Amino acid sequence: MRRPVRSARFPVMRLVFAHIIQILIACLGGLVLNVLGVPAAWLSGSALAIVLWGLTGKALPMPRALADAAMLISGASMGAAVTPAAISSMAQYPSSLILLVIAVIAISGSSAFWLTRVSGWRRDDAILASVPGALSTVLAIAVDRNAAVAPIAIVQNLRLFVLIALLPSAVVFSGGGGDAGTLMGQGSPVESPGGMAFILLGGLAVGIVFNRLRVAAPILLGATLVSTVSHGTDYVTGIIPPVITTGGLILIGMFIAERFRDLRRSTLRESFMAALGSFAIGMLIAVCFAALAAWLAGVSFANGLIAFAPGGLEAMTILALILGLDPLYVGTHHLVRFLGIGLVVPFVVAWLQRGDPPKVS
């Protein structure tokens, strides 16, 4: 009577062990890119590692519950940046922040126009690829809405890579740079266990409501809202422990990697050309708005360029620190854009897909 029970348990244990091995492989990929200093290392490294692991034929689909946990952690981490100090700092640059909102709309719209009219993309895919920054959020939404993740990721990652590679030289050429400041948020205390529980459970509850309303990336959006309100009102203070945040990025990278298994060379080639055009248009618009914002805010063009560059919050703020610019000005602008994207894009994509739902792969 016992032998069937043991034989039934064995496949389950083997499956659990295989998932653990896969997670460790993703961690190793993130660690390697992190040591090499690659931007968004834990996200990109874990995704790349699982794509390569998939070539062996041993990769397993990621359980949905684990993917939801990753989005819950990421949303909580996003909202933790909205402290009362960050909110008060936003009031110092009203005209510049207004221009930022207009710039994001202009960059997204122009880039999406290029991708739809020239490259022949679907509207929802084009919007997700054109949104400047918030890579993890955009890709999480793309996965959740069954969008074309591989081309979107190519466009987004090319943009980030070019910015990291070329912006420092552009800043030095423009005469910017100086003494290194302090990174915004550095040294912040870690959230209490009670605060974390409140945000995670509250974000899960709101996410379930959003899921019933068919909102894109509901768990991610729910956690972002709860975390933003909690930290913005100072009801909860501190940041999500870095080890937990890193774990969330690794898991999201694994989930994203599932959509890269059937990537063809033709897709890479076509997406690369589309990405170049999208980046060129977006960067040209960003430079124009950066010059105007720098003049209105009374900061250097170098500060404006980094603040309006369509890159990620962490990467651009660190660039400001390394180049001796104002990390508060840069970080505030990228924070506003980052949260705005996370709160608005899910609704926009859901609206676009109502009349033209994507094919289920």
Foldseek 3Di string as FASTA:
>chain_A
DCVVVVVVVVVVVVVVVLVVVLLVQLQVQLVVVVVVVHPLSSQQRSLVSLLVVVVVVSRDADDPVLLLLLLLLQLLQLLQLQAQVLVVLCVLQVVLLVLLVVLQVQLLVVLLCLCCVPLNDASLLSSLLRRQALLLLSLQLCLQQVHLNPLSNLLRVVLQVCCLVPLVVVCVVLVFFDAFDDFPPPPWAAWDPVLVVCLSVQLQVQLVVVVVVVFGSSSNLSSNVSSNVCNNVVVIHTGHPPVSNSSSSSSSSNNSSVSCNPDDPVSSVSSNVSSVVSSVSSLVSQLVSLVVSCVVSVHDSSLSSLLSRSYYLVSSLVSCRVRHHDSSSSNSSRSVSNSVCSNPSRVVSSVSCPVPRDDND
